[in-house]
C-alpha atoms as a PDB file:
ATOM      1  CA  MET A   1     -26.708  18.174  31.909  1.00  0.00           C
ATOM      2  CA  SER A   2     -30.038  18.961  30.170  1.00  0.00           C
ATOM      3  CA  LEU A   3     -31.381  16.978  27.238  1.00  0.00           C
ATOM      4  CA  GLU A   4     -30.999  19.879  24.997  1.00  0.00           C
ATOM      5  CA  ALA A   5     -27.246  20.320  25.874  1.00  0.00           C
ATOM      6  CA  ARG A   6     -26.682  16.647  25.380  1.00  0.00           C
ATOM      7  CA  VAL A   7     -28.265  16.718  21.928  1.00  0.00           C
ATOM      8  CA  THR A   8     -26.321  19.808  20.936  1.00  0.00           C
ATOM      9  CA  ASP A   9     -23.126  18.028  22.127  1.00  0.00           C
ATOM     10  CA  LEU A  10     -23.946  14.958  20.142  1.00  0.00           C
ATOM     11  CA  GLU A  11     -24.744  16.985  17.019  1.00  0.00           C
ATOM     12  CA  SER A  12     -21.415  18.758  17.442  1.00  0.00           C
ATOM     13  CA  GLN A  13     -19.514  15.448  17.741  1.00  0.00           C
ATOM     14  CA  MET A  14     -21.352  14.070  14.690  1.00  0.00           C
ATOM     15  CA  ALA A  15     -20.399  17.149  12.566  1.00  0.00           C
ATOM     16  CA  PHE A  16     -16.789  16.707  13.628  1.00  0.00           C
ATOM     17  CA  GLN A  17     -16.828  13.021  12.747  1.00  0.00           C
ATOM     18  CA  ASP A  18     -18.429  13.813   9.356  1.00  0.00           C
ATOM     19  CA  ASP A  19     -15.648  16.282   8.603  1.00  0.00           C
ATOM     20  CA  THR A  20     -13.021  13.758   9.718  1.00  0.00           C
ATOM     21  CA  ILE A  21     -14.497  11.013   7.654  1.00  0.00           C
ATOM     22  CA  GLN A  22     -14.660  13.267   4.585  1.00  0.00           C
ATOM     23  CA  ALA A  23     -10.996  14.254   5.044  1.00  0.00           C
ATOM     24  CA  LEU A  24      -9.924  10.696   5.486  1.00  0.00           C
ATOM     25  CA  ASN A  25     -11.924   9.718   2.296  1.00  0.00           C
ATOM     26  CA  ASP A  26     -10.158  12.489   0.354  1.00  0.00           C
ATOM     27  CA  VAL A  27      -6.693  11.380   1.557  1.00  0.00           C
ATOM     28  CA  LEU A  28      -7.604   7.707   0.776  1.00  0.00           C
ATOM     29  CA  ALA A  29      -8.745   8.651  -2.824  1.00  0.00           C
ATOM     30  CA  ALA A  30      -5.523  10.658  -3.449  1.00  0.00           C
ATOM     31  CA  GLN A  31      -3.433   7.734  -2.181  1.00  0.00           C
ATOM     32  CA  GLN A  32      -5.267   5.358  -4.438  1.00  0.00           C
ATOM     33  CA  ARG A  33      -4.552   7.525  -7.424  1.00  0.00           C
ATOM     34  CA  VAL A  34      -0.799   7.585  -6.397  1.00  0.00           C
ATOM     35  CA  VAL A  35      -0.723   3.832  -5.986  1.00  0.00           C
ATOM     36  CA  GLU A  36      -2.286   3.252  -9.417  1.00  0.00           C
ATOM     37  CA  ARG A  37       0.158   5.662 -10.981  1.00  0.00           C
ATOM     38  CA  LEU A  38       3.102   3.948  -9.398  1.00  0.00           C
ATOM     39  CA  GLN A  39       1.786   0.492 -10.456  1.00  0.00           C
ATOM     40  CA  LEU A  40       1.689   1.730 -14.089  1.00  0.00           C
ATOM     41  CA  GLN A  41       5.246   3.174 -13.745  1.00  0.00           C
ATOM     42  CA  MET A  42       6.437  -0.161 -12.139  1.00  0.00           C
ATOM     43  CA  GLU A  43       5.017  -2.086 -15.129  1.00  0.00           C
ATOM     44  CA  ALA A  44       6.705   0.160 -17.633  1.00  0.00           C
ATOM     45  CA  LEU A  45      10.015  -0.184 -15.792  1.00  0.00           C
ATOM     46  CA  LEU A  46       9.702  -3.964 -15.739  1.00  0.00           C
ATOM     47  CA  LYS A  47       8.906  -4.086 -19.389  1.00  0.00           C
ATOM     48  CA  ARG A  48      11.907  -1.813 -20.069  1.00  0.00           C
ATOM     49  CA  GLN A  49      14.209  -3.940 -17.939  1.00  0.00           C
ATOM     50  CA  GLU A  50      13.174  -7.130 -19.758  1.00  0.00           C
ATOM     51  CA  GLU A  51      13.860  -5.475 -23.067  1.00  0.00           C
ATOM     52  CA  MET A  52      17.329  -4.318 -21.869  1.00  0.00           C
ATOM     53  CA  VAL A  53      18.132  -7.815 -20.425  1.00  0.00           C
ATOM     54  CA  GLY A  54      17.275  -9.306 -23.757  1.00  0.00           C
ATOM     55  CA  GLN A  55      19.568  -6.896 -25.541  1.00  0.00           C
ATOM     56  CA  PHE A  56      22.492  -7.658 -23.216  1.00  0.00           C
ATOM     57  CA  GLU A  57      21.927 -11.393 -23.519  1.00  0.00           C
ATOM     58  CA  SER A  58      22.217 -11.200 -27.306  1.00  0.00           C
ATOM     59  CA  PHE A  59      25.587  -9.396 -26.997  1.00  0.00           C
ATOM     60  CA  GLU A  60      26.834 -12.074 -24.653  1.00  0.00           C
ATOM     61  CA  GLU A  61      25.945 -14.844 -27.001  1.00  0.00           C
ATOM     62  CA  GLU A  62      27.918 -13.395 -29.875  1.00  0.00           C
ATOM     63  CA  ALA A  63      31.296 -14.961 -30.673  1.00  0.00           C
ATOM     64  CA  PRO A  64      34.312 -12.947 -29.795  1.00  0.00           C
ATOM     65  CA  PRO A  65      36.073 -11.053 -32.674  1.00  0.00           C
ATOM     66  CA  PRO A  66      38.768 -13.017 -34.467  1.00  0.00           C
ATOM     67  CA  HIS A  67      41.752 -11.129 -32.885  1.00  0.00           C
ATOM     68  CA  TYR A  68      41.150 -12.728 -29.498  1.00  0.00           C
END
């Protein structure tokens, strides 16, 4: 294999690797945005659950009505 053919082959491989790295980077960035959005949603759900648990606890602590 000639030196020119080897260089051409290496340049081809490098171009393919650059494209693959860029595609992986794009996917990773998109996944990071999804993870951040899910974390915000999880925080909101936990806060809402805590509020609801607090409401239910206040109902349980009330005395039963007099007809019981």
